[in-house]
Amino acid sequence: MQLKEGDVVVIRAAEDWPGHLFRIDHVFDDCVGGYSLTGPLEGEYGEPEFALVLKVHHRAG
């Protein structure tokens, strides 16, 4: 999956958090950096690994 800055992706749920939308601000070698848009982590910065990205919800224009 080709991810780029500005994409909004769906992050899968895990034991510590529910599934949520995440806006990518940076693409690294092994993860993406950005901010949660929904759920209890809304507004929080994170760096989820690529394996946590379920799908692209919205592509950056």
C-alpha atoms as a PDB file:
ATOM      1  CA  MET A   1       0.000   0.000   0.000  1.00  0.00           C
ATOM      2  CA  GLN A   2       1.497   3.332  -1.059  1.00  0.00           C
ATOM      3  CA  LEU A   3       0.960   5.895   1.724  1.00  0.00           C
ATOM      4  CA  LYS A   4       1.732   9.597   1.534  1.00  0.00           C
ATOM      5  CA  GLU A   5       1.536  12.715   3.653  1.00  0.00           C
ATOM      6  CA  GLY A   6      -2.016  13.985   3.986  1.00  0.00           C
ATOM      7  CA  ASP A   7      -3.676  10.580   3.559  1.00  0.00           C
ATOM      8  CA  VAL A   8      -6.285   9.622   6.160  1.00  0.00           C
ATOM      9  CA  VAL A   9      -6.094   5.936   7.049  1.00  0.00           C
ATOM     10  CA  VAL A  10      -7.978   3.495   9.253  1.00  0.00           C
ATOM     11  CA  ILE A  11      -5.876   2.151  12.123  1.00  0.00           C
ATOM     12  CA  ARG A  12      -6.940  -1.274  13.357  1.00  0.00           C
ATOM     13  CA  ALA A  13      -8.062  -1.777  16.929  1.00  0.00           C
ATOM     14  CA  ALA A  14      -5.671  -3.305  19.452  1.00  0.00           C
ATOM     15  CA  GLU A  15      -5.825  -4.125  23.142  1.00  0.00           C
ATOM     16  CA  ASP A  16      -5.005  -0.533  24.152  1.00  0.00           C
ATOM     17  CA  TRP A  17      -7.090   1.408  21.604  1.00  0.00           C
ATOM     18  CA  PRO A  18     -10.140   1.092  19.333  1.00  0.00           C
ATOM     19  CA  GLY A  19      -9.994   1.375  15.559  1.00  0.00           C
ATOM     20  CA  HIS A  20      -9.794   4.998  14.469  1.00  0.00           C
ATOM     21  CA  LEU A  21      -8.983   7.432  11.673  1.00  0.00           C
ATOM     22  CA  PHE A  22      -5.437   8.786  11.488  1.00  0.00           C
ATOM     23  CA  ARG A  23      -3.980  11.599   9.339  1.00  0.00           C
ATOM     24  CA  ILE A  24      -0.463  10.935   8.062  1.00  0.00           C
ATOM     25  CA  ASP A  25       1.972  13.840   8.425  1.00  0.00           C
ATOM     26  CA  HIS A  26       5.187  11.857   7.840  1.00  0.00           C
ATOM     27  CA  VAL A  27       6.068   8.553   6.171  1.00  0.00           C
ATOM     28  CA  PHE A  28       9.074   6.795   7.709  1.00  0.00           C
ATOM     29  CA  ASP A  29      10.843   3.558   6.727  1.00  0.00           C
ATOM     30  CA  ASP A  30       8.801   1.358   9.104  1.00  0.00           C
ATOM     31  CA  CYS A  31       5.861   3.502  10.236  1.00  0.00           C
ATOM     32  CA  VAL A  32       3.840   6.654   9.676  1.00  0.00           C
ATOM     33  CA  GLY A  33       3.661   9.702  11.928  1.00  0.00           C
ATOM     34  CA  GLY A  34       0.635  11.880  12.450  1.00  0.00           C
ATOM     35  CA  TYR A  35      -2.480  12.514  14.498  1.00  0.00           C
ATOM     36  CA  SER A  36      -5.544  10.514  15.470  1.00  0.00           C
ATOM     37  CA  LEU A  37      -8.710  12.131  14.142  1.00  0.00           C
ATOM     38  CA  THR A  38     -11.348  10.086  15.968  1.00  0.00           C
ATOM     39  CA  GLY A  39     -11.845   8.052  19.132  1.00  0.00           C
ATOM     40  CA  PRO A  40     -10.336   8.488  22.600  1.00  0.00           C
ATOM     41  CA  LEU A  41      -6.914   9.227  21.083  1.00  0.00           C
ATOM     42  CA  GLU A  42      -8.276  12.155  19.010  1.00  0.00           C
ATOM     43  CA  GLY A  43      -5.637  14.871  18.664  1.00  0.00           C
ATOM     44  CA  GLU A  44      -2.827  12.653  19.927  1.00  0.00           C
ATOM     45  CA  TYR A  45       0.395  12.232  17.933  1.00  0.00           C
ATOM     46  CA  GLY A  46       1.481   8.684  17.154  1.00  0.00           C
ATOM     47  CA  GLU A  47       3.758   6.596  14.949  1.00  0.00           C
ATOM     48  CA  PRO A  48       1.844   3.397  14.092  1.00  0.00           C
ATOM     49  CA  GLU A  49       3.640   0.667  12.168  1.00  0.00           C
ATOM     50  CA  PHE A  50       2.480  -0.043   8.618  1.00  0.00           C
ATOM     51  CA  ALA A  51       0.932  -3.334   9.816  1.00  0.00           C
ATOM     52  CA  LEU A  52      -1.632  -1.351  11.852  1.00  0.00           C
ATOM     53  CA  VAL A  53      -2.984   0.455   8.778  1.00  0.00           C
ATOM     54  CA  LEU A  54      -6.078  -1.389   7.549  1.00  0.00           C
ATOM     55  CA  LYS A  55      -6.923   0.786   4.552  1.00  0.00           C
ATOM     56  CA  VAL A  56      -6.848   4.286   3.143  1.00  0.00           C
ATOM     57  CA  HIS A  57     -10.014   6.163   4.084  1.00  0.00           C
ATOM     58  CA  HIS A  58      -9.236   9.301   2.051  1.00  0.00           C
ATOM     59  CA  ARG A  59      -6.312  10.123  -0.266  1.00  0.00           C
ATOM     60  CA  ALA A  60      -4.590  13.496  -0.027  1.00  0.00           C
ATOM     61  CA  GLY A  61      -5.532  15.776  -2.910  1.00  0.00           C
END
